[in-house]
């Protein structure tokens, strides 16, 4: 047994809590990287100045929390596709279990300062509905998962709509590449049989938030 074997074992996802942490971590990554990288690209040479502005930092924080449920929806749908059972009659139970798991990740976070209770509740409801709907169609490929949510994701970017140009396809490509990378990481690290059995066994105990 070498040191690399130790790190490989640590990467294994066998329990719902570990899967929830994976979803949380990657949803946060999609959210923050997309917002900051897009804003830097749009601002160009003025990006350092822009990011020092309190007003813009506040706009980024607002965008980050509005986009986070979209990240959860995308990663949650990706996870469901990876774990999708071979028997279609088992899938609805799995969709429900993963929907509940994704919502526990959302509920790790109190109402963010930039938003109010009404908006945060609406975002949770939209996430809930999206996770319910994924059982109505076959699992999507990783690159197709973000298509339905890309326009909404683009709409929350902290750049004035008149300055965004025709950047929606570029942002969609970013989401597609990122989802493919997350898919590769998940398929290498998840013990699908163990996770599915645990998901159906009982409720999840929440871990500490990481966003």
N, C-alpha and C. Protein backbone atom coordinates (compact mmCIF):
# COMPACT_ATOMS: atom_id res chain seq x y z
N UNK A 1 0.85 -1.20 0.00
CA UNK A 1 0.00 0.00 0.00
C UNK A 1 0.88 1.25 0.00
N UNK A 2 0.74 2.11 -1.02
CA UNK A 2 1.52 3.33 -1.12
C UNK A 2 0.70 4.54 -0.70
N UNK A 3 1.36 5.69 -0.67
CA UNK A 3 0.68 6.91 -0.25
C UNK A 3 -0.42 7.31 -1.22
N UNK A 4 -0.24 7.00 -2.52
CA UNK A 4 -1.28 7.32 -3.49
C UNK A 4 -2.56 6.55 -3.20
N UNK A 5 -2.43 5.34 -2.69
CA UNK A 5 -3.62 4.56 -2.34
C UNK A 5 -4.41 5.23 -1.23
N UNK A 6 -3.71 5.86 -0.29
CA UNK A 6 -4.38 6.55 0.80
C UNK A 6 -5.23 7.69 0.25
N UNK A 7 -4.66 8.48 -0.69
CA UNK A 7 -5.41 9.60 -1.24
C UNK A 7 -6.57 9.12 -2.09
N UNK A 8 -6.39 8.01 -2.82
CA UNK A 8 -7.50 7.48 -3.60
C UNK A 8 -8.66 7.08 -2.70
N UNK A 9 -8.36 6.46 -1.57
CA UNK A 9 -9.42 6.05 -0.66
C UNK A 9 -10.17 7.25 -0.11
N UNK A 10 -9.46 8.33 0.16
CA UNK A 10 -10.10 9.52 0.70
C UNK A 10 -11.06 10.15 -0.30
N UNK A 11 -10.81 9.92 -1.58
CA UNK A 11 -11.66 10.51 -2.60
C UNK A 11 -12.97 9.75 -2.77
N UNK A 12 -13.07 8.53 -2.27
CA UNK A 12 -14.25 7.73 -2.48
C UNK A 12 -15.47 8.36 -1.79
N UNK A 13 -16.58 8.37 -2.51
CA UNK A 13 -17.85 8.88 -1.98
C UNK A 13 -18.74 7.67 -1.77
N UNK A 14 -19.02 7.38 -0.52
CA UNK A 14 -19.81 6.19 -0.19
C UNK A 14 -21.09 6.52 0.57
N UNK A 15 -21.17 7.71 1.16
CA UNK A 15 -22.31 8.06 2.01
C UNK A 15 -22.99 9.32 1.48
N UNK A 16 -24.29 9.47 1.78
CA UNK A 16 -25.01 10.67 1.34
C UNK A 16 -24.35 11.97 1.80
N UNK A 17 -23.79 11.98 3.03
CA UNK A 17 -23.14 13.20 3.51
C UNK A 17 -21.96 13.57 2.62
N UNK A 18 -21.20 12.59 2.21
CA UNK A 18 -20.05 12.85 1.32
C UNK A 18 -20.53 13.31 -0.05
N UNK A 19 -21.64 12.73 -0.52
CA UNK A 19 -22.19 13.16 -1.80
C UNK A 19 -22.73 14.58 -1.70
N UNK A 20 -23.36 14.90 -0.58
CA UNK A 20 -23.86 16.27 -0.38
C UNK A 20 -22.71 17.27 -0.39
N UNK A 21 -21.61 16.93 0.26
CA UNK A 21 -20.44 17.81 0.27
C UNK A 21 -19.90 18.00 -1.15
N UNK A 22 -19.90 16.93 -1.93
CA UNK A 22 -19.45 17.01 -3.32
C UNK A 22 -20.34 17.96 -4.11
N UNK A 23 -21.65 17.83 -3.94
CA UNK A 23 -22.60 18.70 -4.64
C UNK A 23 -22.39 20.15 -4.21
N UNK A 24 -22.27 20.37 -2.92
CA UNK A 24 -22.07 21.72 -2.37
C UNK A 24 -20.81 22.36 -2.94
N UNK A 25 -19.72 21.63 -2.85
CA UNK A 25 -18.42 22.15 -3.28
C UNK A 25 -18.42 22.49 -4.77
N UNK A 26 -18.98 21.63 -5.59
CA UNK A 26 -18.94 21.87 -7.03
C UNK A 26 -19.97 22.89 -7.49
N UNK A 27 -21.10 22.97 -6.81
CA UNK A 27 -22.06 24.03 -7.12
C UNK A 27 -21.46 25.39 -6.80
N UNK A 28 -20.75 25.48 -5.67
CA UNK A 28 -20.08 26.74 -5.32
C UNK A 28 -19.01 27.10 -6.35
N UNK A 29 -18.28 26.09 -6.82
CA UNK A 29 -17.24 26.33 -7.82
C UNK A 29 -17.83 26.88 -9.12
N UNK A 30 -18.87 26.22 -9.61
CA UNK A 30 -19.53 26.69 -10.84
C UNK A 30 -19.99 28.13 -10.68
N UNK A 31 -20.62 28.40 -9.56
CA UNK A 31 -21.20 29.71 -9.30
C UNK A 31 -20.13 30.80 -9.28
N UNK A 32 -19.13 30.61 -8.44
CA UNK A 32 -18.15 31.67 -8.22
C UNK A 32 -17.19 31.84 -9.39
N UNK A 33 -16.71 30.74 -9.93
CA UNK A 33 -15.75 30.85 -11.04
C UNK A 33 -16.40 31.52 -12.24
N UNK A 34 -17.64 31.12 -12.55
CA UNK A 34 -18.32 31.71 -13.69
C UNK A 34 -18.52 33.21 -13.54
N UNK A 35 -18.96 33.63 -12.36
CA UNK A 35 -19.22 35.04 -12.12
C UNK A 35 -17.94 35.86 -12.20
N UNK A 36 -16.90 35.41 -11.51
CA UNK A 36 -15.68 36.21 -11.44
C UNK A 36 -14.90 36.19 -12.76
N UNK A 37 -14.84 35.04 -13.39
CA UNK A 37 -14.10 34.97 -14.66
C UNK A 37 -14.82 35.76 -15.75
N UNK A 38 -16.14 35.66 -15.79
CA UNK A 38 -16.88 36.42 -16.80
C UNK A 38 -16.72 37.92 -16.55
N UNK A 39 -16.84 38.33 -15.31
CA UNK A 39 -16.71 39.75 -14.99
C UNK A 39 -15.32 40.27 -15.35
N UNK A 40 -14.29 39.48 -15.05
CA UNK A 40 -12.92 39.90 -15.40
C UNK A 40 -12.77 40.03 -16.92
N UNK A 41 -13.31 39.07 -17.64
CA UNK A 41 -13.20 39.11 -19.10
C UNK A 41 -13.92 40.33 -19.67
N UNK A 42 -15.09 40.64 -19.13
CA UNK A 42 -15.87 41.77 -19.62
C UNK A 42 -15.19 43.10 -19.27
N UNK A 43 -14.59 43.18 -18.08
CA UNK A 43 -13.97 44.43 -17.65
C UNK A 43 -12.61 44.66 -18.29
N UNK A 44 -11.95 43.58 -18.71
CA UNK A 44 -10.66 43.71 -19.37
C UNK A 44 -9.61 44.33 -18.46
N UNK A 45 -8.92 45.35 -18.96
CA UNK A 45 -7.84 45.99 -18.21
C UNK A 45 -8.33 46.70 -16.94
N UNK A 46 -9.64 46.95 -16.88
CA UNK A 46 -10.19 47.67 -15.74
C UNK A 46 -10.70 46.74 -14.65
N UNK A 47 -10.44 45.44 -14.80
CA UNK A 47 -11.03 44.48 -13.86
C UNK A 47 -10.55 44.70 -12.43
N UNK A 48 -9.26 45.02 -12.25
CA UNK A 48 -8.75 45.24 -10.89
C UNK A 48 -9.44 46.42 -10.23
N UNK A 49 -9.65 47.46 -11.02
CA UNK A 49 -10.34 48.64 -10.49
C UNK A 49 -11.79 48.28 -10.15
N UNK A 50 -12.42 47.55 -11.06
CA UNK A 50 -13.83 47.19 -10.87
C UNK A 50 -14.03 46.36 -9.60
N UNK A 51 -13.15 45.40 -9.38
CA UNK A 51 -13.32 44.51 -8.24
C UNK A 51 -13.00 45.20 -6.91
N UNK A 52 -12.43 46.39 -6.96
CA UNK A 52 -12.20 47.15 -5.73
C UNK A 52 -13.40 48.01 -5.35
N UNK A 53 -14.33 48.14 -6.27
CA UNK A 53 -15.50 48.98 -6.03
C UNK A 53 -16.49 48.27 -5.10
N UNK A 54 -16.85 48.88 -3.97
CA UNK A 54 -17.80 48.24 -3.06
C UNK A 54 -19.13 47.90 -3.72
N UNK A 55 -19.60 48.77 -4.60
CA UNK A 55 -20.88 48.52 -5.27
C UNK A 55 -20.81 47.27 -6.13
N UNK A 56 -19.69 47.12 -6.84
CA UNK A 56 -19.56 45.94 -7.70
C UNK A 56 -19.38 44.68 -6.86
N UNK A 57 -18.63 44.76 -5.78
CA UNK A 57 -18.47 43.59 -4.92
C UNK A 57 -19.81 43.15 -4.35
N UNK A 58 -20.65 44.13 -4.01
CA UNK A 58 -21.99 43.81 -3.51
C UNK A 58 -22.82 43.15 -4.61
N UNK A 59 -22.67 43.63 -5.84
CA UNK A 59 -23.40 43.03 -6.97
C UNK A 59 -22.95 41.60 -7.20
N UNK A 60 -21.65 41.35 -7.05
CA UNK A 60 -21.13 39.99 -7.20
C UNK A 60 -21.68 39.06 -6.12
N UNK A 61 -21.78 39.58 -4.91
CA UNK A 61 -22.31 38.78 -3.81
C UNK A 61 -23.77 38.42 -4.06
N UNK A 62 -24.54 39.39 -4.54
CA UNK A 62 -25.93 39.15 -4.89
C UNK A 62 -26.04 38.08 -5.98
N UNK A 63 -25.21 38.24 -7.02
CA UNK A 63 -25.23 37.29 -8.13
C UNK A 63 -24.82 35.89 -7.67
N UNK A 64 -23.85 35.83 -6.78
CA UNK A 64 -23.36 34.54 -6.29
C UNK A 64 -24.46 33.74 -5.62
N UNK A 65 -25.27 34.41 -4.78
CA UNK A 65 -26.32 33.69 -4.08
C UNK A 65 -27.51 33.38 -4.98
N UNK A 66 -27.75 34.22 -5.97
CA UNK A 66 -28.83 33.91 -6.92
C UNK A 66 -28.45 32.76 -7.84
N UNK A 67 -27.16 32.64 -8.13
CA UNK A 67 -26.70 31.59 -9.03
C UNK A 67 -26.46 30.26 -8.32
N UNK A 68 -26.22 30.30 -7.01
CA UNK A 68 -25.90 29.07 -6.29
C UNK A 68 -26.97 27.99 -6.43
N UNK A 69 -28.27 28.31 -6.30
CA UNK A 69 -29.28 27.26 -6.52
C UNK A 69 -29.24 26.67 -7.93
N UNK A 70 -28.83 27.47 -8.90
CA UNK A 70 -28.68 26.95 -10.27
C UNK A 70 -27.53 25.96 -10.32
N UNK A 71 -26.44 26.27 -9.63
CA UNK A 71 -25.33 25.32 -9.54
C UNK A 71 -25.75 24.03 -8.87
N UNK A 72 -26.54 24.15 -7.80
CA UNK A 72 -27.04 22.95 -7.12
C UNK A 72 -27.92 22.13 -8.05
N UNK A 73 -28.75 22.80 -8.83
CA UNK A 73 -29.64 22.09 -9.76
C UNK A 73 -28.82 21.34 -10.81
N UNK A 74 -27.80 21.98 -11.34
CA UNK A 74 -26.99 21.34 -12.38
C UNK A 74 -26.20 20.16 -11.83
N UNK A 75 -25.53 20.36 -10.71
CA UNK A 75 -24.74 19.27 -10.15
C UNK A 75 -25.65 18.16 -9.65
N UNK A 76 -26.79 18.53 -9.06
CA UNK A 76 -27.73 17.52 -8.60
C UNK A 76 -28.26 16.66 -9.75
N UNK A 77 -28.58 17.30 -10.87
CA UNK A 77 -29.06 16.53 -12.02
C UNK A 77 -27.95 15.65 -12.58
N UNK A 78 -26.75 16.16 -12.61
CA UNK A 78 -25.61 15.35 -13.06
C UNK A 78 -25.43 14.12 -12.18
N UNK A 79 -25.51 14.30 -10.88
CA UNK A 79 -25.37 13.19 -9.93
C UNK A 79 -26.45 12.15 -10.18
N UNK A 80 -27.67 12.61 -10.38
CA UNK A 80 -28.77 11.66 -10.62
C UNK A 80 -28.51 10.84 -11.87
N UNK A 81 -27.97 11.47 -12.91
CA UNK A 81 -27.67 10.74 -14.13
C UNK A 81 -26.59 9.69 -13.94
N UNK A 82 -25.57 10.02 -13.16
CA UNK A 82 -24.49 9.07 -12.90
C UNK A 82 -25.01 7.88 -12.09
N UNK A 83 -25.90 8.13 -11.15
CA UNK A 83 -26.41 7.07 -10.28
C UNK A 83 -27.67 6.40 -10.82
N UNK A 84 -28.12 6.82 -11.99
CA UNK A 84 -29.40 6.35 -12.53
C UNK A 84 -29.46 4.82 -12.54
N UNK A 85 -30.50 4.22 -11.95
CA UNK A 85 -30.62 2.76 -11.91
C UNK A 85 -30.94 2.18 -13.28
N UNK A 86 -30.60 0.94 -13.46
CA UNK A 86 -30.87 0.27 -14.73
C UNK A 86 -32.36 0.01 -14.92
N UNK A 87 -33.09 -0.15 -13.84
CA UNK A 87 -34.52 -0.40 -13.92
C UNK A 87 -35.29 0.91 -13.79
N UNK A 88 -36.12 1.23 -14.78
CA UNK A 88 -36.83 2.51 -14.78
C UNK A 88 -37.77 2.65 -13.60
N UNK A 89 -38.31 1.52 -13.10
CA UNK A 89 -39.25 1.62 -11.98
C UNK A 89 -38.56 2.05 -10.69
N UNK A 90 -37.25 1.94 -10.63
CA UNK A 90 -36.51 2.38 -9.44
C UNK A 90 -36.13 3.85 -9.50
N UNK A 91 -36.28 4.47 -10.67
CA UNK A 91 -35.72 5.80 -10.85
C UNK A 91 -36.46 6.89 -10.08
N UNK A 92 -37.77 6.81 -10.02
CA UNK A 92 -38.51 7.86 -9.33
C UNK A 92 -38.12 7.94 -7.86
N UNK A 93 -37.89 6.78 -7.23
CA UNK A 93 -37.46 6.77 -5.84
C UNK A 93 -36.09 7.43 -5.71
N UNK A 94 -35.22 7.18 -6.69
CA UNK A 94 -33.89 7.78 -6.65
C UNK A 94 -33.95 9.28 -6.87
N UNK A 95 -34.77 9.73 -7.82
CA UNK A 95 -34.93 11.16 -8.07
C UNK A 95 -35.39 11.86 -6.80
N UNK A 96 -36.35 11.26 -6.11
CA UNK A 96 -36.86 11.85 -4.87
C UNK A 96 -35.76 11.92 -3.81
N UNK A 97 -34.96 10.87 -3.70
CA UNK A 97 -33.89 10.85 -2.70
C UNK A 97 -32.85 11.93 -3.00
N UNK A 98 -32.49 12.08 -4.26
CA UNK A 98 -31.48 13.08 -4.62
C UNK A 98 -32.05 14.49 -4.52
N UNK A 99 -33.33 14.65 -4.87
CA UNK A 99 -33.98 15.95 -4.67
C UNK A 99 -33.89 16.37 -3.20
N UNK A 100 -34.23 15.45 -2.31
CA UNK A 100 -34.17 15.74 -0.87
C UNK A 100 -32.74 16.06 -0.44
N UNK A 101 -31.77 15.33 -1.00
CA UNK A 101 -30.38 15.56 -0.65
C UNK A 101 -29.92 16.95 -1.08
N UNK A 102 -30.27 17.34 -2.31
CA UNK A 102 -29.89 18.66 -2.82
C UNK A 102 -30.50 19.76 -1.98
N UNK A 103 -31.74 19.58 -1.56
CA UNK A 103 -32.39 20.59 -0.73
C UNK A 103 -31.73 20.71 0.65
N UNK A 104 -31.20 19.61 1.17
CA UNK A 104 -30.47 19.71 2.45
C UNK A 104 -29.21 20.56 2.28
N UNK A 105 -28.60 20.51 1.10
CA UNK A 105 -27.43 21.35 0.84
C UNK A 105 -27.86 22.82 0.82
N UNK A 106 -28.94 23.12 0.12
CA UNK A 106 -29.45 24.49 0.10
C UNK A 106 -29.73 24.97 1.52
N UNK A 107 -30.31 24.10 2.33
CA UNK A 107 -30.73 24.49 3.67
C UNK A 107 -29.57 24.60 4.66
N UNK A 108 -28.36 24.27 4.24
CA UNK A 108 -27.20 24.52 5.08
C UNK A 108 -26.98 26.01 5.29
N UNK A 109 -27.49 26.82 4.38
CA UNK A 109 -27.17 28.24 4.37
C UNK A 109 -28.34 29.07 4.88
N UNK A 110 -28.08 30.01 5.77
CA UNK A 110 -29.13 30.95 6.19
C UNK A 110 -29.44 31.92 5.05
N UNK A 111 -30.45 32.71 5.23
CA UNK A 111 -30.81 33.69 4.18
C UNK A 111 -29.63 34.63 3.98
N UNK A 112 -29.09 34.71 2.76
CA UNK A 112 -27.92 35.57 2.52
C UNK A 112 -28.26 37.05 2.70
N UNK A 113 -27.29 37.80 3.14
CA UNK A 113 -27.49 39.23 3.38
C UNK A 113 -28.00 39.98 2.16
N UNK A 114 -27.50 39.69 0.92
CA UNK A 114 -27.98 40.46 -0.22
C UNK A 114 -29.45 40.20 -0.58
N UNK A 115 -30.01 39.09 -0.11
CA UNK A 115 -31.37 38.70 -0.48
C UNK A 115 -32.28 38.80 0.73
N UNK A 116 -33.59 38.69 0.48
CA UNK A 116 -34.52 38.66 1.60
C UNK A 116 -35.19 37.29 1.66
N UNK A 117 -35.99 37.09 2.67
CA UNK A 117 -36.60 35.77 2.89
C UNK A 117 -37.47 35.35 1.72
N UNK A 118 -38.19 36.29 1.11
CA UNK A 118 -39.08 35.96 0.00
C UNK A 118 -38.28 35.45 -1.20
N UNK A 119 -37.23 36.17 -1.56
CA UNK A 119 -36.41 35.76 -2.71
C UNK A 119 -35.75 34.42 -2.45
N UNK A 120 -35.19 34.24 -1.25
CA UNK A 120 -34.50 32.99 -0.92
C UNK A 120 -35.47 31.80 -0.96
N UNK A 121 -36.69 32.03 -0.49
CA UNK A 121 -37.72 30.98 -0.54
C UNK A 121 -38.11 30.67 -1.98
N UNK A 122 -38.20 31.70 -2.81
CA UNK A 122 -38.54 31.47 -4.22
C UNK A 122 -37.44 30.68 -4.93
N UNK A 123 -36.19 31.00 -4.63
CA UNK A 123 -35.08 30.28 -5.24
C UNK A 123 -35.09 28.81 -4.82
N UNK A 124 -35.42 28.56 -3.56
CA UNK A 124 -35.52 27.17 -3.09
C UNK A 124 -36.65 26.44 -3.81
N UNK A 125 -37.78 27.13 -3.99
CA UNK A 125 -38.90 26.51 -4.69
C UNK A 125 -38.57 26.17 -6.13
N UNK A 126 -37.83 27.05 -6.81
CA UNK A 126 -37.42 26.79 -8.19
C UNK A 126 -36.46 25.61 -8.26
N UNK A 127 -35.56 25.53 -7.30
CA UNK A 127 -34.63 24.39 -7.24
C UNK A 127 -35.41 23.10 -7.01
N UNK A 128 -36.36 23.14 -6.09
CA UNK A 128 -37.19 21.97 -5.79
C UNK A 128 -37.91 21.50 -7.05
N UNK A 129 -38.52 22.43 -7.78
CA UNK A 129 -39.26 22.05 -8.98
C UNK A 129 -38.36 21.48 -10.06
N UNK A 130 -37.18 22.06 -10.20
CA UNK A 130 -36.25 21.53 -11.20
C UNK A 130 -35.86 20.09 -10.87
N UNK A 131 -35.57 19.83 -9.61
CA UNK A 131 -35.16 18.49 -9.22
C UNK A 131 -36.32 17.50 -9.37
N UNK A 132 -37.54 17.94 -9.19
CA UNK A 132 -38.69 17.05 -9.40
C UNK A 132 -38.85 16.70 -10.88
N UNK A 133 -38.56 17.67 -11.75
CA UNK A 133 -38.79 17.47 -13.18
C UNK A 133 -37.79 16.54 -13.84
N UNK A 134 -36.63 16.33 -13.24
CA UNK A 134 -35.61 15.53 -13.94
C UNK A 134 -36.03 14.08 -14.10
N UNK A 135 -37.01 13.64 -13.32
CA UNK A 135 -37.51 12.27 -13.49
C UNK A 135 -38.47 12.12 -14.65
N UNK A 136 -38.83 13.24 -15.29
CA UNK A 136 -39.79 13.20 -16.39
C UNK A 136 -39.12 12.96 -17.75
N UNK A 137 -37.80 12.92 -17.77
CA UNK A 137 -37.08 12.69 -19.03
C UNK A 137 -35.87 11.81 -18.74
N UNK A 138 -35.33 11.16 -19.77
CA UNK A 138 -34.14 10.33 -19.55
C UNK A 138 -32.97 11.17 -19.04
N UNK A 139 -32.02 10.58 -18.35
CA UNK A 139 -30.85 11.33 -17.89
C UNK A 139 -30.12 12.00 -19.05
N UNK A 140 -29.66 13.20 -18.82
CA UNK A 140 -28.94 13.95 -19.84
C UNK A 140 -27.45 13.66 -19.76
N UNK A 141 -26.76 13.88 -20.86
CA UNK A 141 -25.31 13.83 -20.82
C UNK A 141 -24.81 15.03 -20.02
N UNK A 142 -23.59 14.96 -19.53
CA UNK A 142 -23.03 16.04 -18.72
C UNK A 142 -23.06 17.37 -19.47
N UNK A 143 -22.74 17.35 -20.75
CA UNK A 143 -22.68 18.61 -21.51
C UNK A 143 -24.05 19.21 -21.77
N UNK A 144 -25.10 18.38 -21.67
CA UNK A 144 -26.45 18.89 -21.91
C UNK A 144 -27.17 19.32 -20.64
N UNK A 145 -26.65 18.94 -19.48
CA UNK A 145 -27.30 19.29 -18.22
C UNK A 145 -27.51 20.80 -18.07
N UNK A 146 -26.51 21.65 -18.38
CA UNK A 146 -26.70 23.08 -18.11
C UNK A 146 -27.54 23.83 -19.13
N UNK A 147 -27.93 23.20 -20.23
CA UNK A 147 -28.60 23.93 -21.32
C UNK A 147 -29.87 24.63 -20.82
N UNK A 148 -30.70 23.92 -20.06
CA UNK A 148 -31.99 24.49 -19.63
C UNK A 148 -31.83 25.65 -18.66
N UNK A 149 -30.70 25.71 -17.96
CA UNK A 149 -30.51 26.73 -16.91
C UNK A 149 -29.52 27.82 -17.31
N UNK A 150 -28.89 27.68 -18.47
CA UNK A 150 -27.82 28.61 -18.85
C UNK A 150 -28.32 30.04 -19.00
N UNK A 151 -29.50 30.22 -19.56
CA UNK A 151 -30.02 31.58 -19.76
C UNK A 151 -30.27 32.27 -18.42
N UNK A 152 -30.81 31.54 -17.46
CA UNK A 152 -31.04 32.11 -16.13
C UNK A 152 -29.72 32.44 -15.46
N UNK A 153 -28.75 31.53 -15.59
CA UNK A 153 -27.42 31.75 -15.03
C UNK A 153 -26.81 33.02 -15.63
N UNK A 154 -26.92 33.18 -16.93
CA UNK A 154 -26.37 34.36 -17.61
C UNK A 154 -27.06 35.63 -17.12
N UNK A 155 -28.36 35.54 -16.84
CA UNK A 155 -29.13 36.73 -16.47
C UNK A 155 -28.73 37.31 -15.12
N UNK A 156 -28.10 36.52 -14.26
CA UNK A 156 -27.72 37.04 -12.94
C UNK A 156 -26.30 37.59 -12.90
N UNK A 157 -25.59 37.55 -14.01
CA UNK A 157 -24.22 38.07 -14.02
C UNK A 157 -24.21 39.55 -13.60
N UNK A 158 -23.22 39.97 -12.79
CA UNK A 158 -23.21 41.35 -12.26
C UNK A 158 -22.66 42.37 -13.25
N UNK A 159 -23.04 42.23 -14.50
CA UNK A 159 -22.66 43.15 -15.56
C UNK A 159 -23.95 43.66 -16.19
N UNK A 160 -24.02 44.95 -16.45
CA UNK A 160 -25.25 45.53 -17.01
C UNK A 160 -25.61 44.81 -18.31
N UNK A 161 -26.89 44.48 -18.50
CA UNK A 161 -27.30 43.76 -19.72
C UNK A 161 -26.82 44.39 -21.02
N UNK A 162 -26.72 45.72 -21.07
CA UNK A 162 -26.28 46.38 -22.30
C UNK A 162 -24.81 46.13 -22.59
N UNK A 163 -24.05 45.71 -21.57
CA UNK A 163 -22.61 45.50 -21.75
C UNK A 163 -22.25 44.02 -21.92
N UNK A 164 -23.22 43.16 -21.81
CA UNK A 164 -22.93 41.73 -21.90
C UNK A 164 -22.69 41.24 -23.32
N UNK A 165 -23.25 41.94 -24.28
CA UNK A 165 -23.07 41.52 -25.66
C UNK A 165 -23.70 40.15 -25.90
N UNK A 166 -23.15 39.45 -26.87
CA UNK A 166 -23.68 38.13 -27.22
C UNK A 166 -22.82 37.04 -26.57
N UNK A 167 -22.76 37.11 -25.27
CA UNK A 167 -21.86 36.22 -24.53
C UNK A 167 -22.53 34.96 -24.01
N UNK A 168 -23.84 34.84 -24.19
CA UNK A 168 -24.54 33.68 -23.64
C UNK A 168 -23.96 32.35 -24.14
N UNK A 169 -23.66 32.20 -25.43
CA UNK A 169 -23.08 30.93 -25.89
C UNK A 169 -21.72 30.63 -25.25
N UNK A 170 -20.93 31.67 -25.01
CA UNK A 170 -19.62 31.47 -24.37
C UNK A 170 -19.80 30.96 -22.95
N UNK A 171 -20.76 31.54 -22.23
CA UNK A 171 -20.99 31.10 -20.86
C UNK A 171 -21.56 29.68 -20.83
N UNK A 172 -22.40 29.36 -21.80
CA UNK A 172 -22.91 27.99 -21.89
C UNK A 172 -21.78 27.01 -22.13
N UNK A 173 -20.84 27.36 -22.97
CA UNK A 173 -19.69 26.48 -23.21
C UNK A 173 -18.87 26.27 -21.94
N UNK A 174 -18.71 27.35 -21.15
CA UNK A 174 -18.02 27.22 -19.87
C UNK A 174 -18.75 26.21 -18.98
N UNK A 175 -20.06 26.34 -18.90
CA UNK A 175 -20.84 25.42 -18.07
C UNK A 175 -20.73 23.99 -18.57
N UNK A 176 -20.72 23.81 -19.87
CA UNK A 176 -20.62 22.46 -20.43
C UNK A 176 -19.28 21.82 -20.10
N UNK A 177 -18.23 22.55 -20.29
CA UNK A 177 -16.90 22.02 -19.99
C UNK A 177 -16.79 21.70 -18.51
N UNK A 178 -17.27 22.61 -17.68
CA UNK A 178 -17.19 22.40 -16.23
C UNK A 178 -17.98 21.18 -15.81
N UNK A 179 -19.17 21.01 -16.36
CA UNK A 179 -19.99 19.84 -16.01
C UNK A 179 -19.33 18.54 -16.46
N UNK A 180 -18.68 18.55 -17.60
CA UNK A 180 -17.95 17.35 -18.05
C UNK A 180 -16.81 17.02 -17.09
N UNK A 181 -16.12 18.04 -16.61
CA UNK A 181 -15.03 17.81 -15.65
C UNK A 181 -15.56 17.27 -14.32
N UNK A 182 -16.69 17.83 -13.87
CA UNK A 182 -17.30 17.34 -12.63
C UNK A 182 -17.76 15.90 -12.81
N UNK A 183 -18.30 15.59 -13.96
CA UNK A 183 -18.74 14.21 -14.26
C UNK A 183 -17.56 13.25 -14.16
N UNK A 184 -16.45 13.64 -14.75
CA UNK A 184 -15.26 12.76 -14.71
C UNK A 184 -14.80 12.54 -13.27
N UNK A 185 -14.79 13.61 -12.48
CA UNK A 185 -14.37 13.48 -11.08
C UNK A 185 -15.33 12.58 -10.31
N UNK A 186 -16.62 12.77 -10.53
CA UNK A 186 -17.62 11.97 -9.80
C UNK A 186 -17.53 10.50 -10.16
N UNK A 187 -17.43 10.19 -11.43
CA UNK A 187 -17.41 8.78 -11.84
C UNK A 187 -16.16 8.07 -11.34
N UNK A 188 -15.07 8.81 -11.13
CA UNK A 188 -13.85 8.20 -10.60
C UNK A 188 -13.92 7.99 -9.09
N UNK A 189 -14.76 8.77 -8.41
CA UNK A 189 -14.69 8.77 -6.96
C UNK A 189 -15.91 8.18 -6.25
N UNK A 190 -17.01 7.98 -6.95
CA UNK A 190 -18.22 7.55 -6.25
C UNK A 190 -18.35 6.03 -6.25
N UNK A 191 -18.75 5.49 -5.11
CA UNK A 191 -19.16 4.10 -4.99
C UNK A 191 -20.67 4.10 -5.14
N UNK A 192 -21.13 3.95 -6.39
CA UNK A 192 -22.54 4.17 -6.71
C UNK A 192 -23.46 3.25 -5.92
N UNK A 193 -23.10 1.99 -5.82
CA UNK A 193 -23.96 1.05 -5.11
C UNK A 193 -24.14 1.42 -3.66
N UNK A 194 -23.05 1.80 -2.99
CA UNK A 194 -23.12 2.16 -1.58
C UNK A 194 -23.92 3.43 -1.37
N UNK A 195 -23.73 4.41 -2.25
CA UNK A 195 -24.44 5.69 -2.11
C UNK A 195 -25.93 5.50 -2.32
N UNK A 196 -26.31 4.77 -3.37
CA UNK A 196 -27.73 4.56 -3.66
C UNK A 196 -28.41 3.84 -2.49
N UNK A 197 -27.76 2.82 -1.95
CA UNK A 197 -28.34 2.09 -0.82
C UNK A 197 -28.51 3.01 0.39
N UNK A 198 -27.53 3.86 0.64
CA UNK A 198 -27.60 4.76 1.79
C UNK A 198 -28.67 5.83 1.60
N UNK A 199 -28.80 6.33 0.37
CA UNK A 199 -29.79 7.37 0.10
C UNK A 199 -31.20 6.87 0.42
N UNK A 200 -31.45 5.61 0.14
CA UNK A 200 -32.80 5.07 0.35
C UNK A 200 -33.01 4.55 1.76
N UNK A 201 -31.95 4.55 2.54
CA UNK A 201 -32.05 3.96 3.88
C UNK A 201 -32.64 4.92 4.91
N UNK A 202 -32.43 6.22 4.73
CA UNK A 202 -32.92 7.14 5.74
C UNK A 202 -32.48 8.56 5.52
N UNK A 203 -32.85 9.45 6.44
CA UNK A 203 -32.56 10.89 6.29
C UNK A 203 -31.09 11.18 6.42
N UNK A 204 -30.71 12.32 5.89
CA UNK A 204 -29.32 12.76 5.91
C UNK A 204 -29.10 13.75 7.05
N UNK A 205 -27.98 13.59 7.74
CA UNK A 205 -27.56 14.56 8.74
C UNK A 205 -26.71 15.61 8.05
N UNK A 206 -27.05 16.88 8.20
CA UNK A 206 -26.35 17.93 7.47
C UNK A 206 -24.93 18.12 7.99
N UNK A 207 -24.03 18.45 7.06
CA UNK A 207 -22.67 18.81 7.41
C UNK A 207 -22.57 20.32 7.48
N UNK A 208 -21.38 20.79 7.89
CA UNK A 208 -21.17 22.24 7.94
C UNK A 208 -21.15 22.83 6.55
N UNK A 209 -21.64 24.04 6.38
CA UNK A 209 -21.65 24.70 5.08
C UNK A 209 -20.24 25.09 4.68
N UNK A 210 -20.02 25.19 3.34
CA UNK A 210 -18.68 25.49 2.86
C UNK A 210 -18.63 26.68 1.91
N UNK A 211 -19.76 27.26 1.53
CA UNK A 211 -19.74 28.36 0.57
C UNK A 211 -19.25 29.64 1.25
